[in-house]
Amino acid sequence: MFGDKKKMISTSVDAVEKMSKAGYTFKKVNFSDVSDIVHTKNELQTVVHQRIEMETPKGNILGDYYLIAISKDNGKLWKFIDTSGKSIESVRKYFPNLSPQLYIKK
């Protein structure tokens, strides 16, 4: 969705730097609750739960987010789609091969 790997890295680094300057600090990131792996169109697909704890100028916050994981080589290499703030329907506009069995909690 960012165009290429270099643009994604640059955008991510800029976002973290802005957050840090504004007083936001990542305290803990955990991954859990991997959904059933779905085989679809020569890919493996699943949803991974991500929980992030941050320190902010107004206190600590805890957020739940979901990543879609996709493997095109039978699980050797996985790529992840951050779905933060997006519905599964809006993500499918960019990734039409996503299985209808994938579910993102809101």
N, C-alpha and C. Protein backbone atom coordinates (compact mmCIF):
# COMPACT_ATOMS: atom_id res chain seq x y z
N MET A 1 0.82 -1.18 0.00
CA MET A 1 0.00 0.00 0.00
C MET A 1 0.88 1.26 0.00
N PHE A 2 2.15 1.14 0.40
CA PHE A 2 3.05 2.28 0.42
C PHE A 2 3.83 2.42 -0.88
N GLY A 3 3.76 1.43 -1.74
CA GLY A 3 4.46 1.50 -3.01
C GLY A 3 5.63 0.54 -3.09
N ASP A 4 6.57 0.66 -2.16
CA ASP A 4 7.71 -0.26 -2.16
C ASP A 4 8.31 -0.33 -0.76
N LYS A 5 9.27 -1.23 -0.61
CA LYS A 5 9.89 -1.49 0.68
C LYS A 5 10.58 -0.24 1.24
N LYS A 6 11.30 0.47 0.40
CA LYS A 6 12.04 1.66 0.83
C LYS A 6 11.08 2.73 1.37
N LYS A 7 9.97 2.94 0.69
CA LYS A 7 8.98 3.94 1.12
C LYS A 7 8.34 3.52 2.44
N MET A 8 8.07 2.24 2.61
CA MET A 8 7.47 1.74 3.85
C MET A 8 8.42 1.96 5.03
N ILE A 9 9.69 1.65 4.85
CA ILE A 9 10.68 1.83 5.91
C ILE A 9 10.80 3.30 6.27
N SER A 10 10.89 4.16 5.26
CA SER A 10 11.02 5.60 5.49
C SER A 10 9.81 6.15 6.24
N THR A 11 8.62 5.76 5.84
CA THR A 11 7.40 6.22 6.48
C THR A 11 7.33 5.74 7.93
N SER A 12 7.72 4.49 8.16
CA SER A 12 7.70 3.93 9.52
C SER A 12 8.70 4.63 10.43
N VAL A 13 9.90 4.86 9.95
CA VAL A 13 10.93 5.55 10.74
C VAL A 13 10.46 6.96 11.07
N ASP A 14 9.90 7.67 10.10
CA ASP A 14 9.40 9.03 10.34
C ASP A 14 8.31 9.04 11.41
N ALA A 15 7.40 8.07 11.34
CA ALA A 15 6.29 8.01 12.30
C ALA A 15 6.80 7.76 13.71
N VAL A 16 7.75 6.84 13.87
CA VAL A 16 8.30 6.54 15.19
C VAL A 16 9.06 7.75 15.74
N GLU A 17 9.81 8.44 14.90
CA GLU A 17 10.54 9.63 15.35
C GLU A 17 9.57 10.73 15.81
N LYS A 18 8.49 10.95 15.08
CA LYS A 18 7.49 11.95 15.47
C LYS A 18 6.83 11.58 16.78
N MET A 19 6.51 10.31 16.95
CA MET A 19 5.89 9.84 18.19
C MET A 19 6.84 10.05 19.36
N SER A 20 8.10 9.73 19.17
CA SER A 20 9.09 9.88 20.23
C SER A 20 9.23 11.35 20.65
N LYS A 21 9.30 12.24 19.69
CA LYS A 21 9.41 13.67 19.98
C LYS A 21 8.17 14.20 20.71
N ALA A 22 7.03 13.57 20.47
CA ALA A 22 5.78 13.99 21.11
C ALA A 22 5.58 13.33 22.47
N GLY A 23 6.55 12.50 22.91
CA GLY A 23 6.48 11.90 24.23
C GLY A 23 5.86 10.52 24.29
N TYR A 24 5.77 9.84 23.15
CA TYR A 24 5.22 8.49 23.10
C TYR A 24 6.36 7.48 23.08
N THR A 25 6.27 6.45 23.91
CA THR A 25 7.30 5.42 23.99
C THR A 25 6.65 4.04 24.00
N PHE A 26 7.15 3.15 23.15
CA PHE A 26 6.69 1.76 23.17
C PHE A 26 7.26 1.09 24.41
N LYS A 27 6.39 0.49 25.22
CA LYS A 27 6.85 -0.21 26.42
C LYS A 27 6.90 -1.71 26.18
N LYS A 28 5.90 -2.23 25.47
CA LYS A 28 5.84 -3.68 25.27
C LYS A 28 4.99 -3.99 24.03
N VAL A 29 5.44 -4.97 23.26
CA VAL A 29 4.68 -5.46 22.12
C VAL A 29 4.62 -6.98 22.22
N ASN A 30 3.42 -7.54 22.24
CA ASN A 30 3.23 -8.99 22.31
C ASN A 30 2.41 -9.46 21.12
N PHE A 31 2.70 -10.67 20.68
CA PHE A 31 1.93 -11.30 19.62
C PHE A 31 1.31 -12.58 20.17
N SER A 32 0.04 -12.81 19.87
CA SER A 32 -0.63 -14.01 20.36
C SER A 32 -1.85 -14.30 19.49
N ASP A 33 -2.58 -15.30 19.88
CA ASP A 33 -3.87 -15.62 19.24
C ASP A 33 -3.81 -15.65 17.71
N VAL A 34 -3.02 -16.55 17.18
CA VAL A 34 -2.98 -16.73 15.74
C VAL A 34 -4.21 -17.54 15.33
N SER A 35 -4.95 -17.04 14.35
CA SER A 35 -6.14 -17.76 13.89
C SER A 35 -5.73 -18.98 13.07
N ASP A 36 -6.69 -19.81 12.73
CA ASP A 36 -6.41 -20.97 11.88
C ASP A 36 -5.79 -20.51 10.57
N ILE A 37 -4.82 -21.26 10.10
CA ILE A 37 -4.18 -20.94 8.82
C ILE A 37 -5.08 -21.43 7.70
N VAL A 38 -5.32 -20.53 6.75
CA VAL A 38 -6.19 -20.81 5.61
C VAL A 38 -5.33 -20.99 4.36
N HIS A 39 -5.61 -22.03 3.60
CA HIS A 39 -4.94 -22.25 2.31
C HIS A 39 -5.83 -21.66 1.23
N THR A 40 -5.32 -20.68 0.51
CA THR A 40 -6.10 -20.07 -0.55
C THR A 40 -5.20 -19.54 -1.65
N LYS A 41 -5.54 -19.85 -2.89
CA LYS A 41 -4.83 -19.35 -4.07
C LYS A 41 -3.31 -19.46 -3.94
N ASN A 42 -2.81 -20.63 -3.61
CA ASN A 42 -1.37 -20.90 -3.47
C ASN A 42 -0.71 -20.07 -2.37
N GLU A 43 -1.47 -19.66 -1.38
CA GLU A 43 -0.93 -18.92 -0.25
C GLU A 43 -1.44 -19.52 1.06
N LEU A 44 -0.66 -19.30 2.12
CA LEU A 44 -1.14 -19.54 3.47
C LEU A 44 -1.48 -18.16 4.04
N GLN A 45 -2.62 -18.07 4.73
CA GLN A 45 -3.05 -16.79 5.29
C GLN A 45 -3.58 -17.02 6.70
N THR A 46 -3.32 -16.04 7.57
CA THR A 46 -3.83 -16.10 8.93
C THR A 46 -3.89 -14.69 9.50
N VAL A 47 -4.51 -14.55 10.66
CA VAL A 47 -4.57 -13.27 11.36
C VAL A 47 -3.86 -13.45 12.70
N VAL A 48 -2.99 -12.48 13.03
CA VAL A 48 -2.21 -12.52 14.26
C VAL A 48 -2.61 -11.32 15.13
N HIS A 49 -2.90 -11.59 16.40
CA HIS A 49 -3.24 -10.54 17.35
C HIS A 49 -1.96 -9.89 17.87
N GLN A 50 -1.95 -8.57 17.90
CA GLN A 50 -0.81 -7.81 18.39
C GLN A 50 -1.31 -6.87 19.50
N ARG A 51 -0.67 -6.90 20.64
CA ARG A 51 -1.04 -6.01 21.75
C ARG A 51 0.15 -5.09 22.03
N ILE A 52 -0.11 -3.78 22.00
CA ILE A 52 0.94 -2.79 22.19
C ILE A 52 0.64 -1.97 23.44
N GLU A 53 1.65 -1.86 24.31
CA GLU A 53 1.55 -1.00 25.48
C GLU A 53 2.48 0.19 25.25
N MET A 54 1.91 1.39 25.39
CA MET A 54 2.69 2.61 25.16
C MET A 54 2.56 3.55 26.35
N GLU A 55 3.64 4.31 26.55
CA GLU A 55 3.61 5.41 27.51
C GLU A 55 3.38 6.67 26.70
N THR A 56 2.40 7.48 27.13
CA THR A 56 2.07 8.71 26.44
C THR A 56 2.14 9.88 27.42
N PRO A 57 2.11 11.09 26.93
CA PRO A 57 2.10 12.23 27.85
C PRO A 57 0.90 12.22 28.81
N LYS A 58 -0.17 11.54 28.45
CA LYS A 58 -1.37 11.48 29.29
C LYS A 58 -1.49 10.17 30.06
N GLY A 59 -0.46 9.33 30.03
CA GLY A 59 -0.49 8.06 30.75
C GLY A 59 -0.31 6.88 29.81
N ASN A 60 -0.32 5.68 30.38
CA ASN A 60 -0.13 4.46 29.59
C ASN A 60 -1.41 4.08 28.86
N ILE A 61 -1.24 3.52 27.68
CA ILE A 61 -2.38 2.99 26.93
C ILE A 61 -2.04 1.58 26.47
N LEU A 62 -3.07 0.79 26.29
CA LEU A 62 -2.93 -0.57 25.81
C LEU A 62 -3.83 -0.72 24.59
N GLY A 63 -3.26 -1.13 23.46
CA GLY A 63 -4.03 -1.25 22.23
C GLY A 63 -3.95 -2.64 21.64
N ASP A 64 -5.06 -3.09 21.08
CA ASP A 64 -5.12 -4.38 20.39
C ASP A 64 -5.22 -4.13 18.89
N TYR A 65 -4.36 -4.80 18.14
CA TYR A 65 -4.29 -4.63 16.69
C TYR A 65 -4.20 -6.01 16.05
N TYR A 66 -4.48 -6.06 14.76
CA TYR A 66 -4.46 -7.34 14.05
C TYR A 66 -3.64 -7.21 12.77
N LEU A 67 -2.79 -8.20 12.57
CA LEU A 67 -1.96 -8.28 11.37
C LEU A 67 -2.43 -9.47 10.54
N ILE A 68 -2.49 -9.28 9.24
CA ILE A 68 -2.76 -10.40 8.34
C ILE A 68 -1.40 -10.92 7.89
N ALA A 69 -1.16 -12.20 8.06
CA ALA A 69 0.10 -12.83 7.66
C ALA A 69 -0.14 -13.66 6.40
N ILE A 70 0.77 -13.52 5.44
CA ILE A 70 0.64 -14.23 4.16
C ILE A 70 1.98 -14.89 3.83
N SER A 71 1.92 -16.15 3.43
CA SER A 71 3.11 -16.87 2.97
C SER A 71 2.82 -17.46 1.60
N LYS A 72 3.74 -17.21 0.67
CA LYS A 72 3.60 -17.76 -0.68
C LYS A 72 4.53 -18.94 -0.90
N ASP A 73 5.30 -19.34 0.16
CA ASP A 73 6.25 -20.44 0.02
C ASP A 73 6.02 -21.51 1.10
N ASN A 74 4.76 -21.74 1.39
CA ASN A 74 4.36 -22.79 2.34
C ASN A 74 4.90 -22.56 3.75
N GLY A 75 4.98 -21.30 4.16
CA GLY A 75 5.32 -20.99 5.54
C GLY A 75 6.78 -20.69 5.82
N LYS A 76 7.65 -20.69 4.82
CA LYS A 76 9.07 -20.39 5.05
C LYS A 76 9.27 -18.89 5.31
N LEU A 77 8.58 -18.04 4.56
CA LEU A 77 8.68 -16.60 4.70
C LEU A 77 7.26 -16.04 4.81
N TRP A 78 7.06 -15.16 5.78
CA TRP A 78 5.75 -14.54 5.99
C TRP A 78 5.88 -13.04 5.81
N LYS A 79 4.87 -12.44 5.19
CA LYS A 79 4.75 -10.99 5.07
C LYS A 79 3.50 -10.59 5.83
N PHE A 80 3.52 -9.39 6.41
CA PHE A 80 2.44 -8.97 7.30
C PHE A 80 1.79 -7.68 6.81
N ILE A 81 0.48 -7.62 6.95
CA ILE A 81 -0.29 -6.43 6.62
C ILE A 81 -0.85 -5.88 7.92
N ASP A 82 -0.53 -4.64 8.21
CA ASP A 82 -1.06 -3.97 9.40
C ASP A 82 -2.46 -3.47 9.08
N THR A 83 -3.44 -3.92 9.83
CA THR A 83 -4.83 -3.54 9.55
C THR A 83 -5.34 -2.45 10.48
N SER A 84 -4.46 -1.79 11.22
CA SER A 84 -4.87 -0.79 12.20
C SER A 84 -5.83 0.23 11.60
N GLY A 85 -6.99 0.33 12.20
CA GLY A 85 -7.98 1.31 11.77
C GLY A 85 -8.70 0.98 10.48
N LYS A 86 -8.51 -0.23 9.99
CA LYS A 86 -9.13 -0.62 8.72
C LYS A 86 -10.02 -1.84 8.91
N SER A 87 -11.07 -1.89 8.15
CA SER A 87 -11.92 -3.08 8.14
C SER A 87 -11.31 -4.09 7.17
N ILE A 88 -11.70 -5.34 7.31
CA ILE A 88 -11.20 -6.37 6.38
C ILE A 88 -11.63 -6.05 4.95
N GLU A 89 -12.79 -5.43 4.79
CA GLU A 89 -13.28 -5.07 3.46
C GLU A 89 -12.37 -4.03 2.80
N SER A 90 -11.93 -3.03 3.57
CA SER A 90 -11.05 -2.02 2.99
C SER A 90 -9.68 -2.60 2.67
N VAL A 91 -9.19 -3.54 3.47
CA VAL A 91 -7.90 -4.18 3.20
C VAL A 91 -8.00 -5.01 1.92
N ARG A 92 -9.14 -5.65 1.70
CA ARG A 92 -9.33 -6.48 0.50
C ARG A 92 -9.28 -5.65 -0.79
N LYS A 93 -9.54 -4.36 -0.72
CA LYS A 93 -9.44 -3.50 -1.91
C LYS A 93 -8.00 -3.49 -2.43
N TYR A 94 -7.03 -3.55 -1.51
CA TYR A 94 -5.62 -3.56 -1.88
C TYR A 94 -5.08 -4.98 -2.08
N PHE A 95 -5.71 -5.95 -1.39
CA PHE A 95 -5.26 -7.34 -1.44
C PHE A 95 -6.46 -8.24 -1.74
N PRO A 96 -6.91 -8.27 -3.00
CA PRO A 96 -8.13 -9.00 -3.34
C PRO A 96 -8.03 -10.52 -3.16
N ASN A 97 -6.83 -11.07 -3.02
CA ASN A 97 -6.67 -12.52 -2.84
C ASN A 97 -6.91 -12.98 -1.41
N LEU A 98 -7.21 -12.06 -0.50
CA LEU A 98 -7.44 -12.47 0.89
C LEU A 98 -8.66 -13.37 0.99
N SER A 99 -8.50 -14.42 1.76
CA SER A 99 -9.57 -15.39 1.95
C SER A 99 -10.78 -14.75 2.64
N PRO A 100 -11.98 -15.12 2.24
CA PRO A 100 -13.17 -14.64 2.95
C PRO A 100 -13.27 -15.23 4.36
N GLN A 101 -12.43 -16.22 4.68
CA GLN A 101 -12.44 -16.83 6.00
C GLN A 101 -11.67 -16.01 7.04
N LEU A 102 -10.87 -15.03 6.59
CA LEU A 102 -10.12 -14.21 7.52
C LEU A 102 -11.06 -13.23 8.22
N TYR A 103 -10.82 -13.04 9.53
CA TYR A 103 -11.68 -12.18 10.33
C TYR A 103 -10.81 -11.29 11.21
N ILE A 104 -11.15 -10.00 11.24
CA ILE A 104 -10.46 -9.05 12.09
C ILE A 104 -11.44 -8.53 13.13
N LYS A 105 -11.08 -8.65 14.40
CA LYS A 105 -11.94 -8.12 15.47
C LYS A 105 -11.84 -6.61 15.49
N LYS A 106 -12.92 -5.97 15.85
CA LYS A 106 -12.91 -4.50 15.93
C LYS A 106 -12.95 -4.06 17.36
